[in-house]
Amino acid sequence: MAERTRPAPGPTTYVLRVLVITYLVLLVIWPVSLVVTNTFANGDEALRSILEDPDLVDALRLTAVAAVVATAINTVFGVTVSLLLVRTVFPGKRILSALLDLPLSVSPIVVGLALVLVYGGRNGWFGPTLEGAGLQVIFSTPGIIMATAFVSLPLVIREVVPVLQELGDEQEQAARSLGASGRQTFWRITLPSIKWAVVYGVVLTMARSLGEFGAVKVVSGNVLGETRTATLAVEEKYLNFDQEGAYAIAFLLASVSVLAIVVVSLLRSREAHR
């Protein structure tokens, strides 16, 4: 049978391609390139000044700690909830699935205010009790981690759920029928099947966590050297007319996210060609 040839793209296809490329250039490529060019306008002086400033180093360290902890929490939570949504049937399943998208639909500022109302030291529901036990949540690192984890909560779930639905549970049922325990089935069958979905979810969560601003601004207090994160430092530098410093910090944050995405893409491509 003769192989069917694809029809040649028409004028509409070329117009759509131009529109997509133009959109990406104006919205993504051009702004990001301006950040890079402004960062290195005077060589690496802006980056060196950032890395030599102890307060900014503390801000970067706090951002990294909050992002890593929030990503770890959301990875465990995301995989667990994904298995719950796909592999089990229970009342209120659709409601739970809808609630999981709440962090993506609610403004981060609202998230920060809600955390203050619940965990605030004076008027919060649990704040006075927690502070009486020696744990301060708002205006400290735990509050920053909570805010960061909340805004990035659905990202692992929305990567893993479609993959689990597509895979089905035939292999898991076969493993259990052969005597494998639930733990063995998860580590040897389920996790290897969804590992790239988990990895992409982790990368997206990390990128979202590194760039969080609104909720963190509300719950952190922006105390220099203690609760000021890198994104808050970007705002402060820009408002104080230190644009090179603001661009340099933004460049560092963006570089980590882009590098993670590139590394994951290369690793997956290499595995696919084996």
Protein backbone atom coordinates (compact mmCIF):
# COMPACT_ATOMS: atom_id res chain seq x y z
CA MET A 1 0.00 0.00 0.00
CA ALA A 2 1.38 3.36 -0.99
CA GLU A 3 2.31 5.60 1.87
CA ARG A 4 0.00 8.58 2.20
CA THR A 5 1.70 11.93 1.97
CA ARG A 6 0.81 14.79 4.21
CA PRO A 7 -0.81 17.76 2.51
CA ALA A 8 1.36 20.82 2.15
CA PRO A 9 0.71 23.47 4.82
CA GLY A 10 -1.54 26.23 3.59
CA PRO A 11 -1.34 29.98 4.21
CA THR A 12 -3.36 29.66 7.43
CA THR A 13 -0.74 27.36 8.91
CA TYR A 14 2.06 29.84 8.21
CA VAL A 15 0.03 32.71 9.66
CA LEU A 16 -0.62 30.74 12.84
CA ARG A 17 3.06 29.88 13.14
CA VAL A 18 4.03 33.51 12.81
CA LEU A 19 1.46 34.53 15.43
CA VAL A 20 2.69 31.88 17.89
CA ILE A 21 6.34 32.82 17.41
CA THR A 22 5.54 36.53 17.72
CA TYR A 23 3.58 35.90 20.88
CA LEU A 24 6.42 33.89 22.44
CA VAL A 25 9.00 36.51 21.46
CA LEU A 26 7.03 39.42 22.92
CA LEU A 27 5.91 37.63 26.08
CA VAL A 28 8.86 35.37 26.93
CA ILE A 29 12.01 35.62 24.84
CA TRP A 30 12.36 39.39 24.65
CA PRO A 31 11.74 40.13 28.38
CA VAL A 32 14.04 37.30 29.48
CA SER A 33 16.77 38.40 27.07
CA LEU A 34 16.53 41.94 28.46
CA VAL A 35 17.06 40.59 31.99
CA VAL A 36 20.18 38.75 30.79
CA THR A 37 21.61 41.68 28.84
CA ASN A 38 21.01 44.13 31.69
CA THR A 39 22.58 41.73 34.19
CA PHE A 40 25.80 41.55 32.19
CA ALA A 41 25.79 45.15 30.94
CA ASN A 42 28.93 45.78 33.02
CA GLY A 43 30.36 42.30 32.85
CA ASP A 44 29.86 40.15 35.93
CA GLU A 45 30.06 43.08 38.33
CA ALA A 46 26.35 42.91 39.25
CA LEU A 47 26.51 39.21 40.01
CA ARG A 48 29.68 39.58 42.08
CA SER A 49 28.14 42.39 44.11
CA ILE A 50 25.11 40.21 44.85
CA LEU A 51 27.18 37.23 45.93
CA GLU A 52 29.44 39.42 48.09
CA ASP A 53 26.54 40.99 49.99
CA PRO A 54 25.81 38.91 53.15
CA ASP A 55 22.19 40.08 53.33
CA LEU A 56 21.50 39.08 49.74
CA VAL A 57 23.26 35.76 50.23
CA ASP A 58 20.96 35.16 53.22
CA ALA A 59 17.96 36.04 51.05
CA LEU A 60 19.06 33.58 48.37
CA ARG A 61 19.70 30.90 50.99
CA LEU A 62 16.25 31.40 52.56
CA THR A 63 14.60 31.20 49.14
CA ALA A 64 16.48 27.98 48.36
CA VAL A 65 15.53 26.41 51.70
CA ALA A 66 11.85 27.36 51.34
CA ALA A 67 11.75 26.10 47.74
CA VAL A 68 13.44 22.78 48.52
CA VAL A 69 11.30 22.04 51.59
CA ALA A 70 8.07 23.09 49.84
CA THR A 71 8.98 20.96 46.81
CA ALA A 72 9.72 17.92 48.98
CA ILE A 73 6.41 18.31 50.82
CA ASN A 74 4.41 18.76 47.63
CA THR A 75 6.13 15.83 45.93
CA VAL A 76 5.17 13.38 48.67
CA PHE A 77 1.71 14.91 49.02
CA GLY A 78 1.21 15.11 45.25
CA VAL A 79 2.07 11.48 44.52
CA THR A 80 -0.06 10.29 47.44
CA VAL A 81 -3.10 12.34 46.43
CA SER A 82 -2.68 11.36 42.77
CA LEU A 83 -2.86 7.67 43.70
CA LEU A 84 -5.87 8.42 45.88
CA LEU A 85 -7.71 10.22 43.07
CA VAL A 86 -6.94 7.68 40.34
CA ARG A 87 -6.83 4.33 42.14
CA THR A 88 -9.68 4.70 44.63
CA VAL A 89 -13.34 5.65 44.62
CA PHE A 90 -14.79 7.60 47.55
CA PRO A 91 -17.51 10.18 48.23
CA GLY A 92 -16.45 13.75 47.50
CA LYS A 93 -13.75 12.77 45.03
CA ARG A 94 -14.73 15.46 42.52
CA ILE A 95 -14.89 18.09 45.24
CA LEU A 96 -11.38 17.18 46.42
CA SER A 97 -10.07 17.33 42.85
CA ALA A 98 -11.59 20.79 42.41
CA LEU A 99 -10.20 22.03 45.73
CA LEU A 100 -6.71 20.99 44.69
CA ASP A 101 -6.81 23.60 41.94
CA LEU A 102 -7.67 26.34 44.43
CA PRO A 103 -4.04 27.55 44.84
CA LEU A 104 -3.88 28.25 41.10
CA SER A 105 -7.11 30.26 41.07
CA VAL A 106 -6.68 32.30 44.25
CA SER A 107 -4.41 35.34 44.36
CA PRO A 108 -1.20 34.69 46.35
CA ILE A 109 -1.94 37.86 48.33
CA VAL A 110 -5.19 36.28 49.51
CA VAL A 111 -3.26 33.13 50.44
CA GLY A 112 -0.86 35.16 52.55
CA LEU A 113 -3.68 37.00 54.32
CA ALA A 114 -5.47 33.71 55.02
CA LEU A 115 -2.33 32.27 56.60
CA VAL A 116 -1.98 35.38 58.76
CA LEU A 117 -5.61 35.05 59.91
CA VAL A 118 -5.05 31.42 60.88
CA TYR A 119 -1.49 31.46 62.23
CA GLY A 120 -0.95 35.12 63.14
CA GLY A 121 0.58 35.72 66.56
CA ARG A 122 -2.03 38.12 67.94
CA ASN A 123 -5.40 37.53 66.33
CA GLY A 124 -4.80 34.24 64.50
CA TRP A 125 -6.83 31.17 65.33
CA PHE A 126 -3.79 29.03 66.20
CA GLY A 127 -1.08 31.70 66.40
CA PRO A 128 -1.19 32.44 70.14
CA THR A 129 -1.25 28.73 70.99
CA LEU A 130 1.69 27.97 68.70
CA GLU A 131 3.70 30.92 69.97
CA GLY A 132 2.94 29.83 73.55
CA ALA A 133 4.54 26.51 72.63
CA GLY A 134 7.57 28.32 71.22
CA LEU A 135 6.72 28.06 67.51
CA GLN A 136 6.28 31.23 65.50
CA VAL A 137 4.79 30.69 62.05
CA ILE A 138 4.03 34.14 60.64
CA PHE A 139 7.02 36.44 60.06
CA SER A 140 9.38 33.47 60.21
CA THR A 141 10.69 30.65 58.04
CA PRO A 142 7.79 28.20 58.68
CA GLY A 143 5.29 30.76 57.39
CA ILE A 144 7.36 31.33 54.25
CA ILE A 145 7.55 27.58 53.63
CA MET A 146 3.80 27.19 54.17
CA ALA A 147 2.99 30.01 51.76
CA THR A 148 5.39 28.62 49.17
CA ALA A 149 4.02 25.10 49.51
CA PHE A 150 0.43 26.31 49.19
CA VAL A 151 0.87 28.21 45.93
CA SER A 152 2.76 25.31 44.29
CA LEU A 153 0.62 22.49 45.72
CA PRO A 154 -1.22 21.25 42.55
CA LEU A 155 1.71 21.10 40.14
CA VAL A 156 2.95 17.57 40.91
CA ILE A 157 -0.64 16.29 41.08
CA ARG A 158 -1.58 17.70 37.67
CA GLU A 159 1.46 16.06 36.09
CA VAL A 160 1.03 12.64 37.71
CA VAL A 161 -2.76 12.12 37.52
CA PRO A 162 -3.02 11.98 33.68
CA VAL A 163 -0.12 9.51 33.50
CA LEU A 164 -1.69 7.22 36.11
CA GLN A 165 -5.00 7.35 34.25
CA GLU A 166 -3.32 6.44 30.97
CA LEU A 167 -1.30 3.58 32.48
CA GLY A 168 -4.24 1.87 34.15
CA ASP A 169 -3.73 -0.59 37.00
CA GLU A 170 -3.29 -3.91 35.17
CA GLN A 171 0.41 -4.22 36.03
CA GLU A 172 -0.24 -3.34 39.66
CA GLN A 173 -2.99 -5.94 39.91
CA ALA A 174 -0.71 -8.54 38.32
CA ALA A 175 2.05 -7.75 40.82
CA ARG A 176 -0.34 -8.08 43.76
CA SER A 177 -1.71 -11.35 42.38
CA LEU A 178 1.86 -12.69 42.41
CA GLY A 179 2.23 -11.87 46.08
CA ALA A 180 3.81 -8.39 45.98
CA SER A 181 2.96 -6.12 48.87
CA GLY A 182 1.57 -2.63 48.39
CA ARG A 183 4.97 -1.11 49.10
CA GLN A 184 6.74 -3.41 46.65
CA THR A 185 4.13 -2.69 43.99
CA PHE A 186 4.59 1.05 44.42
CA TRP A 187 8.40 1.07 44.33
CA ARG A 188 8.84 -1.51 41.56
CA ILE A 189 5.81 -0.95 39.32
CA THR A 190 4.03 2.35 39.94
CA LEU A 191 6.88 4.75 40.64
CA PRO A 192 9.07 3.70 37.67
CA SER A 193 6.05 4.16 35.40
CA ILE A 194 5.34 7.71 36.59
CA LYS A 195 8.89 8.86 37.33
CA TRP A 196 9.09 11.40 34.49
CA ALA A 197 5.73 12.88 35.43
CA VAL A 198 7.01 13.22 39.00
CA VAL A 199 10.26 14.76 37.78
CA TYR A 200 8.46 17.35 35.65
CA GLY A 201 6.12 18.08 38.54
CA VAL A 202 9.12 18.60 40.82
CA VAL A 203 10.77 20.95 38.33
CA LEU A 204 7.60 23.01 37.92
CA THR A 205 7.09 23.11 41.68
CA MET A 206 10.67 24.22 42.26
CA ALA A 207 10.41 26.94 39.62
CA ARG A 208 7.12 28.18 41.06
CA SER A 209 8.53 28.13 44.58
CA LEU A 210 11.65 30.09 43.65
CA GLY A 211 9.57 32.83 42.05
CA GLU A 212 6.86 33.18 44.69
CA PHE A 213 6.32 36.78 45.76
CA GLY A 214 2.79 37.75 46.82
CA ALA A 215 2.05 35.25 49.59
CA VAL A 216 5.62 35.41 50.88
CA LYS A 217 5.50 39.20 51.03
CA VAL A 218 2.50 39.04 53.36
CA VAL A 219 3.73 36.33 55.76
CA SER A 220 7.45 37.08 55.87
CA GLY A 221 7.61 40.59 57.32
CA ASN A 222 10.60 41.23 55.02
CA VAL A 223 13.10 41.47 57.86
CA LEU A 224 16.59 42.10 56.51
CA GLY A 225 18.83 39.08 56.99
CA GLU A 226 16.07 36.98 58.54
CA THR A 227 12.85 36.73 56.50
CA ARG A 228 13.67 38.61 53.32
CA THR A 229 13.59 36.28 50.33
CA ALA A 230 15.24 36.76 46.96
CA THR A 231 12.03 37.88 45.26
CA LEU A 232 11.49 40.52 47.93
CA ALA A 233 15.09 41.63 47.42
CA VAL A 234 14.37 42.07 43.70
CA GLU A 235 11.49 44.41 44.51
CA GLU A 236 13.56 46.36 47.03
CA LYS A 237 16.50 46.73 44.66
CA TYR A 238 14.27 47.90 41.82
CA LEU A 239 12.37 50.43 43.95
CA ASN A 240 15.67 51.79 45.25
CA PHE A 241 16.85 52.37 41.66
CA ASP A 242 19.44 49.57 41.84
CA GLN A 243 18.20 47.99 38.64
CA GLU A 244 21.41 46.07 37.98
CA GLY A 245 21.09 44.35 41.35
CA ALA A 246 17.43 43.55 40.71
CA TYR A 247 18.24 42.11 37.29
CA ALA A 248 21.12 40.05 38.73
CA ILE A 249 18.95 38.42 41.42
CA ALA A 250 16.18 37.77 38.89
CA PHE A 251 18.74 36.24 36.54
CA LEU A 252 19.97 33.85 39.26
CA LEU A 253 16.44 32.71 40.08
CA ALA A 254 15.48 32.24 36.44
CA SER A 255 18.75 30.44 35.65
CA VAL A 256 18.06 27.71 38.22
CA SER A 257 14.61 27.02 36.78
CA VAL A 258 15.76 27.03 33.17
CA LEU A 259 18.76 24.84 33.96
CA ALA A 260 16.56 22.30 35.72
CA ILE A 261 14.17 22.12 32.75
CA VAL A 262 17.05 21.73 30.28
CA VAL A 263 18.74 18.98 32.33
CA VAL A 264 15.50 17.01 32.68
CA SER A 265 14.78 17.31 28.95
CA LEU A 266 18.28 16.08 28.07
CA LEU A 267 18.10 13.16 30.48
CA ARG A 268 14.72 12.07 29.16
CA SER A 269 15.87 12.41 25.56
CA ARG A 270 18.95 10.32 26.31
CA GLU A 271 16.86 7.62 27.97
CA ALA A 272 14.42 7.57 25.04
CA HIS A 273 17.28 6.88 22.59
CA ARG A 274 18.70 3.97 24.53
